[in-house]
Amino acid sequence: MIGQMPMIILESTGHYHTPVIQFLGEQGVLYILLNPIISYQAKKSSLRKVKTDAIDAYQLCVLYCKGEI
């Protein structure tokens, strides 16, 4: 989708995410801030035991596309 702003899905991290979402809001970027419990459940649905950020991000995108978040 050329010419469209990206949408960002990120996990709430206490207060550490605050400057990031402030910046995204100032730039007009659409973002979804997830409760860590929801992202944990997405990670739990896989058989793998090793944390891989790329796979975790993919799983969150799949949940979004399915309308589950």
PDB file of N, CA and C in Angstrom:
ATOM      1  N   MET A   1       0.826  -1.167   0.000  1.00  0.00           N
ATOM      2  CA  MET A   1       0.000   0.000   0.000  1.00  0.00           C
ATOM      3  C   MET A   1       0.876   1.238   0.000  1.00  0.00           C
ATOM      4  N   ILE A   2       1.271   1.605  -1.153  1.00  0.00           N
ATOM      5  CA  ILE A   2       2.179   2.724  -1.341  1.00  0.00           C
ATOM      6  C   ILE A   2       1.472   4.028  -0.995  1.00  0.00           C
ATOM      7  N   GLY A   3       2.175   4.894  -0.278  1.00  0.00           N
ATOM      8  CA  GLY A   3       1.648   6.207   0.053  1.00  0.00           C
ATOM      9  C   GLY A   3       0.822   6.251   1.318  1.00  0.00           C
ATOM     10  N   GLN A   4       0.647   5.119   1.997  1.00  0.00           N
ATOM     11  CA  GLN A   4      -0.118   5.097   3.236  1.00  0.00           C
ATOM     12  C   GLN A   4       0.819   5.048   4.430  1.00  0.00           C
ATOM     13  N   MET A   5       0.377   5.669   5.503  1.00  0.00           N
ATOM     14  CA  MET A   5       1.149   5.624   6.741  1.00  0.00           C
ATOM     15  C   MET A   5       1.074   4.216   7.328  1.00  0.00           C
ATOM     16  N   PRO A   6       2.134   3.753   7.941  1.00  0.00           N
ATOM     17  CA  PRO A   6       2.097   2.428   8.557  1.00  0.00           C
ATOM     18  C   PRO A   6       1.263   2.445   9.839  1.00  0.00           C
ATOM     19  N   MET A   7       0.834   1.283  10.256  1.00  0.00           N
ATOM     20  CA  MET A   7       0.199   1.136  11.552  1.00  0.00           C
ATOM     21  C   MET A   7       1.167   0.352  12.429  1.00  0.00           C
ATOM     22  N   ILE A   8       1.313   0.783  13.647  1.00  0.00           N
ATOM     23  CA  ILE A   8       2.260   0.177  14.577  1.00  0.00           C
ATOM     24  C   ILE A   8       1.478  -0.553  15.668  1.00  0.00           C
ATOM     25  N   ILE A   9       1.871  -1.796  15.946  1.00  0.00           N
ATOM     26  CA  ILE A   9       1.307  -2.556  17.058  1.00  0.00           C
ATOM     27  C   ILE A   9       2.439  -2.761  18.051  1.00  0.00           C
ATOM     28  N   LEU A  10       2.248  -2.268  19.281  1.00  0.00           N
ATOM     29  CA  LEU A  10       3.296  -2.433  20.278  1.00  0.00           C
ATOM     30  C   LEU A  10       2.714  -2.812  21.622  1.00  0.00           C
ATOM     31  N   GLU A  11       3.554  -3.366  22.443  1.00  0.00           N
ATOM     32  CA  GLU A  11       3.155  -3.838  23.759  1.00  0.00           C
ATOM     33  C   GLU A  11       3.425  -2.765  24.799  1.00  0.00           C
ATOM     34  N   SER A  12       2.491  -2.610  25.710  1.00  0.00           N
ATOM     35  CA  SER A  12       2.677  -1.692  26.820  1.00  0.00           C
ATOM     36  C   SER A  12       3.835  -2.191  27.677  1.00  0.00           C
ATOM     37  N   THR A  13       4.763  -1.303  28.001  1.00  0.00           N
ATOM     38  CA  THR A  13       5.954  -1.699  28.764  1.00  0.00           C
ATOM     39  C   THR A  13       6.125  -0.786  29.971  1.00  0.00           C
ATOM     40  N   GLY A  14       5.133  -0.778  30.825  1.00  0.00           N
ATOM     41  CA  GLY A  14       5.206   0.130  31.964  1.00  0.00           C
ATOM     42  C   GLY A  14       5.161   1.548  31.460  1.00  0.00           C
ATOM     43  N   HIS A  15       6.147   2.345  31.793  1.00  0.00           N
ATOM     44  CA  HIS A  15       6.191   3.729  31.309  1.00  0.00           C
ATOM     45  C   HIS A  15       7.175   3.908  30.148  1.00  0.00           C
ATOM     46  N   TYR A  16       7.874   2.849  29.756  1.00  0.00           N
ATOM     47  CA  TYR A  16       8.902   2.969  28.717  1.00  0.00           C
ATOM     48  C   TYR A  16       8.323   3.247  27.336  1.00  0.00           C
ATOM     49  N   HIS A  17       7.078   2.855  27.096  1.00  0.00           N
ATOM     50  CA  HIS A  17       6.466   3.078  25.788  1.00  0.00           C
ATOM     51  C   HIS A  17       5.944   4.511  25.628  1.00  0.00           C
ATOM     52  N   THR A  18       5.842   5.262  26.708  1.00  0.00           N
ATOM     53  CA  THR A  18       5.238   6.598  26.670  1.00  0.00           C
ATOM     54  C   THR A  18       5.892   7.536  25.650  1.00  0.00           C
ATOM     55  N   PRO A  19       7.218   7.698  25.613  1.00  0.00           N
ATOM     56  CA  PRO A  19       7.799   8.590  24.600  1.00  0.00           C
ATOM     57  C   PRO A  19       7.571   8.099  23.177  1.00  0.00           C
ATOM     58  N   VAL A  20       7.508   6.796  22.998  1.00  0.00           N
ATOM     59  CA  VAL A  20       7.294   6.250  21.658  1.00  0.00           C
ATOM     60  C   VAL A  20       5.894   6.602  21.167  1.00  0.00           C
ATOM     61  N   ILE A  21       4.869   6.361  22.010  1.00  0.00           N
ATOM     62  CA  ILE A  21       3.512   6.667  21.560  1.00  0.00           C
ATOM     63  C   ILE A  21       3.278   8.171  21.454  1.00  0.00           C
ATOM     64  N   GLN A  22       3.985   8.952  22.257  1.00  0.00           N
ATOM     65  CA  GLN A  22       3.887  10.409  22.115  1.00  0.00           C
ATOM     66  C   GLN A  22       4.417  10.837  20.744  1.00  0.00           C
ATOM     67  N   PHE A  23       5.559  10.288  20.353  1.00  0.00           N
ATOM     68  CA  PHE A  23       6.132  10.600  19.049  1.00  0.00           C
ATOM     69  C   PHE A  23       5.210  10.144  17.922  1.00  0.00           C
ATOM     70  N   LEU A  24       4.698   8.914  18.024  1.00  0.00           N
ATOM     71  CA  LEU A  24       3.816   8.393  16.983  1.00  0.00           C
ATOM     72  C   LEU A  24       2.565   9.264  16.848  1.00  0.00           C
ATOM     73  N   GLY A  25       2.006   9.691  17.981  1.00  0.00           N
ATOM     74  CA  GLY A  25       0.841  10.563  17.948  1.00  0.00           C
ATOM     75  C   GLY A  25       1.137  11.902  17.297  1.00  0.00           C
ATOM     76  N   GLU A  26       2.283  12.471  17.602  1.00  0.00           N
ATOM     77  CA  GLU A  26       2.681  13.753  17.003  1.00  0.00           C
ATOM     78  C   GLU A  26       2.869  13.644  15.492  1.00  0.00           C
ATOM     79  N   GLN A  27       3.294  12.464  15.042  1.00  0.00           N
ATOM     80  CA  GLN A  27       3.522  12.240  13.614  1.00  0.00           C
ATOM     81  C   GLN A  27       2.256  11.794  12.884  1.00  0.00           C
ATOM     82  N   GLY A  28       1.190  11.558  13.634  1.00  0.00           N
ATOM     83  CA  GLY A  28      -0.062  11.118  13.028  1.00  0.00           C
ATOM     84  C   GLY A  28      -0.066   9.657  12.622  1.00  0.00           C
ATOM     85  N   VAL A  29       0.801   8.861  13.242  1.00  0.00           N
ATOM     86  CA  VAL A  29       0.890   7.436  12.931  1.00  0.00           C
ATOM     87  C   VAL A  29      -0.120   6.683  13.784  1.00  0.00           C
ATOM     88  N   LEU A  30      -0.918   5.837  13.149  1.00  0.00           N
ATOM     89  CA  LEU A  30      -1.884   5.016  13.861  1.00  0.00           C
ATOM     90  C   LEU A  30      -1.132   3.925  14.613  1.00  0.00           C
ATOM     91  N   TYR A  31      -1.462   3.758  15.879  1.00  0.00           N
ATOM     92  CA  TYR A  31      -0.813   2.703  16.658  1.00  0.00           C
ATOM     93  C   TYR A  31      -1.840   2.004  17.532  1.00  0.00           C
ATOM     94  N   ILE A  32      -1.537   0.764  17.874  1.00  0.00           N
ATOM     95  CA  ILE A  32      -2.344  -0.026  18.797  1.00  0.00           C
ATOM     96  C   ILE A  32      -1.427  -0.409  19.937  1.00  0.00           C
ATOM     97  N   LEU A  33      -1.828  -0.062  21.140  1.00  0.00           N
ATOM     98  CA  LEU A  33      -1.047  -0.387  22.332  1.00  0.00           C
ATOM     99  C   LEU A  33      -1.699  -1.589  23.001  1.00  0.00           C
ATOM    100  N   LEU A  34      -0.968  -2.703  23.046  1.00  0.00           N
ATOM    101  CA  LEU A  34      -1.511  -3.945  23.585  1.00  0.00           C
ATOM    102  C   LEU A  34      -1.166  -4.145  25.047  1.00  0.00           C
ATOM    103  N   ASN A  35      -2.097  -4.730  25.727  1.00  0.00           N
ATOM    104  CA  ASN A  35      -1.852  -5.200  27.084  1.00  0.00           C
ATOM    105  C   ASN A  35      -0.873  -6.372  26.981  1.00  0.00           C
ATOM    106  N   PRO A  36       0.126  -6.443  27.849  1.00  0.00           N
ATOM    107  CA  PRO A  36       1.101  -7.543  27.767  1.00  0.00           C
ATOM    108  C   PRO A  36       0.478  -8.928  27.898  1.00  0.00           C
ATOM    109  N   ILE A  37      -0.664  -9.027  28.560  1.00  0.00           N
ATOM    110  CA  ILE A  37      -1.324 -10.329  28.700  1.00  0.00           C
ATOM    111  C   ILE A  37      -1.787 -10.826  27.334  1.00  0.00           C
ATOM    112  N   ILE A  38      -2.298  -9.932  26.496  1.00  0.00           N
ATOM    113  CA  ILE A  38      -2.750 -10.315  25.156  1.00  0.00           C
ATOM    114  C   ILE A  38      -1.577 -10.776  24.305  1.00  0.00           C
ATOM    115  N   SER A  39      -0.478 -10.036  24.351  1.00  0.00           N
ATOM    116  CA  SER A  39       0.674 -10.442  23.546  1.00  0.00           C
ATOM    117  C   SER A  39       1.287 -11.739  24.077  1.00  0.00           C
ATOM    118  N   TYR A  40       1.228 -11.958  25.392  1.00  0.00           N
ATOM    119  CA  TYR A  40       1.720 -13.210  25.969  1.00  0.00           C
ATOM    120  C   TYR A  40       0.899 -14.390  25.457  1.00  0.00           C
ATOM    121  N   GLN A  41      -0.426 -14.206  25.388  1.00  0.00           N
ATOM    122  CA  GLN A  41      -1.289 -15.275  24.886  1.00  0.00           C
ATOM    123  C   GLN A  41      -0.981 -15.579  23.425  1.00  0.00           C
ATOM    124  N   ALA A  42      -0.652 -14.550  22.642  1.00  0.00           N
ATOM    125  CA  ALA A  42      -0.292 -14.768  21.243  1.00  0.00           C
ATOM    126  C   ALA A  42       1.001 -15.568  21.140  1.00  0.00           C
ATOM    127  N   LYS A  43       1.954 -15.265  21.992  1.00  0.00           N
ATOM    128  CA  LYS A  43       3.228 -15.981  21.981  1.00  0.00           C
ATOM    129  C   LYS A  43       3.047 -17.421  22.446  1.00  0.00           C
ATOM    130  N   LYS A  44       2.119 -17.620  23.379  1.00  0.00           N
ATOM    131  CA  LYS A  44       1.871 -18.928  23.962  1.00  0.00           C
ATOM    132  C   LYS A  44       1.255 -19.905  22.954  1.00  0.00           C
ATOM    133  N   SER A  45       0.622 -19.365  21.900  1.00  0.00           N
ATOM    134  CA  SER A  45      -0.050 -20.225  20.932  1.00  0.00           C
ATOM    135  C   SER A  45       0.937 -20.976  20.035  1.00  0.00           C
ATOM    136  N   SER A  46       2.203 -20.682  20.152  1.00  0.00           N
ATOM    137  CA  SER A  46       3.218 -21.336  19.336  1.00  0.00           C
ATOM    138  C   SER A  46       3.915 -22.436  20.141  1.00  0.00           C
ATOM    139  N   LEU A  47       4.467 -23.413  19.449  1.00  0.00           N
ATOM    140  CA  LEU A  47       5.180 -24.499  20.127  1.00  0.00           C
ATOM    141  C   LEU A  47       6.612 -24.142  20.475  1.00  0.00           C
ATOM    142  N   ARG A  48       7.119 -23.079  19.891  1.00  0.00           N
ATOM    143  CA  ARG A  48       8.525 -22.738  20.119  1.00  0.00           C
ATOM    144  C   ARG A  48       8.740 -22.231  21.555  1.00  0.00           C
ATOM    145  N   LYS A  49       9.926 -22.427  22.064  1.00  0.00           N
ATOM    146  CA  LYS A  49      10.257 -22.013  23.424  1.00  0.00           C
ATOM    147  C   LYS A  49      11.242 -20.855  23.457  1.00  0.00           C
ATOM    148  N   VAL A  50      11.809 -20.510  22.308  1.00  0.00           N
ATOM    149  CA  VAL A  50      12.801 -19.450  22.235  1.00  0.00           C
ATOM    150  C   VAL A  50      12.119 -18.147  21.831  1.00  0.00           C
ATOM    151  N   LYS A  51      12.476 -17.060  22.495  1.00  0.00           N
ATOM    152  CA  LYS A  51      11.901 -15.761  22.142  1.00  0.00           C
ATOM    153  C   LYS A  51      12.550 -15.255  20.861  1.00  0.00           C
ATOM    154  N   THR A  52      11.704 -14.933  19.889  1.00  0.00           N
ATOM    155  CA  THR A  52      12.166 -14.378  18.622  1.00  0.00           C
ATOM    156  C   THR A  52      11.281 -13.192  18.296  1.00  0.00           C
ATOM    157  N   ASP A  53      11.843 -11.991  18.334  1.00  0.00           N
ATOM    158  CA  ASP A  53      11.054 -10.785  18.128  1.00  0.00           C
ATOM    159  C   ASP A  53      10.332 -10.775  16.787  1.00  0.00           C
ATOM    160  N   ALA A  54      10.969 -11.246  15.735  1.00  0.00           N
ATOM    161  CA  ALA A  54      10.334 -11.238  14.419  1.00  0.00           C
ATOM    162  C   ALA A  54       9.092 -12.133  14.413  1.00  0.00           C
ATOM    163  N   ILE A  55       9.181 -13.289  15.032  1.00  0.00           N
ATOM    164  CA  ILE A  55       8.042 -14.208  15.084  1.00  0.00           C
ATOM    165  C   ILE A  55       6.958 -13.643  15.998  1.00  0.00           C
ATOM    166  N   ASP A  56       7.347 -13.038  17.108  1.00  0.00           N
ATOM    167  CA  ASP A  56       6.376 -12.412  18.005  1.00  0.00           C
ATOM    168  C   ASP A  56       5.619 -11.303  17.284  1.00  0.00           C
ATOM    169  N   ALA A  57       6.317 -10.491  16.528  1.00  0.00           N
ATOM    170  CA  ALA A  57       5.689  -9.401  15.772  1.00  0.00           C
ATOM    171  C   ALA A  57       4.725  -9.971  14.736  1.00  0.00           C
ATOM    172  N   TYR A  58       5.129 -11.024  14.075  1.00  0.00           N
ATOM    173  CA  TYR A  58       4.267 -11.663  13.082  1.00  0.00           C
ATOM    174  C   TYR A  58       2.986 -12.167  13.736  1.00  0.00           C
ATOM    175  N   GLN A  59       3.108 -12.819  14.886  1.00  0.00           N
ATOM    176  CA  GLN A  59       1.932 -13.346  15.582  1.00  0.00           C
ATOM    177  C   GLN A  59       0.969 -12.231  15.965  1.00  0.00           C
ATOM    178  N   LEU A  60       1.482 -11.076  16.394  1.00  0.00           N
ATOM    179  CA  LEU A  60       0.624  -9.948  16.731  1.00  0.00           C
ATOM    180  C   LEU A  60      -0.096  -9.420  15.494  1.00  0.00           C
ATOM    181  N   CYS A  61       0.589  -9.401  14.367  1.00  0.00           N
ATOM    182  CA  CYS A  61      -0.037  -8.965  13.115  1.00  0.00           C
ATOM    183  C   CYS A  61      -1.137  -9.928  12.688  1.00  0.00           C
ATOM    184  N   VAL A  62      -0.903 -11.211  12.870  1.00  0.00           N
ATOM    185  CA  VAL A  62      -1.916 -12.207  12.530  1.00  0.00           C
ATOM    186  C   VAL A  62      -3.152 -11.994  13.392  1.00  0.00           C
ATOM    187  N   LEU A  63      -2.964 -11.769  14.684  1.00  0.00           N
ATOM    188  CA  LEU A  63      -4.104 -11.519  15.565  1.00  0.00           C
ATOM    189  C   LEU A  63      -4.874 -10.281  15.136  1.00  0.00           C
ATOM    190  N   TYR A  64      -4.148  -9.243  14.740  1.00  0.00           N
ATOM    191  CA  TYR A  64      -4.807  -8.010  14.293  1.00  0.00           C
ATOM    192  C   TYR A  64      -5.625  -8.270  13.018  1.00  0.00           C
ATOM    193  N   CYS A  65      -5.029  -8.971  12.084  1.00  0.00           N
ATOM    194  CA  CYS A  65      -5.724  -9.252  10.815  1.00  0.00           C
ATOM    195  C   CYS A  65      -6.963 -10.120  11.019  1.00  0.00           C
ATOM    196  N   LYS A  66      -6.929 -10.985  12.018  1.00  0.00           N
ATOM    197  CA  LYS A  66      -8.087 -11.823  12.335  1.00  0.00           C
ATOM    198  C   LYS A  66      -9.144 -11.040  13.111  1.00  0.00           C
ATOM    199  N   GLY A  67      -8.802  -9.821  13.547  1.00  0.00           N
ATOM    200  CA  GLY A  67      -9.747  -9.027  14.324  1.00  0.00           C
ATOM    201  C   GLY A  67      -9.803  -9.401  15.791  1.00  0.00           C
ATOM    202  N   GLU A  68      -8.775 -10.108  16.270  1.00  0.00           N
ATOM    203  CA  GLU A  68      -8.750 -10.556  17.661  1.00  0.00           C
ATOM    204  C   GLU A  68      -8.152  -9.517  18.604  1.00  0.00           C
ATOM    205  N   ILE A  69      -7.540  -8.476  18.041  1.00  0.00           N
ATOM    206  CA  ILE A  69      -7.040  -7.378  18.883  1.00  0.00           C
ATOM    207  C   ILE A  69      -7.488  -6.064  18.283  1.00  0.00           C
TER     208      ILE A  69
END
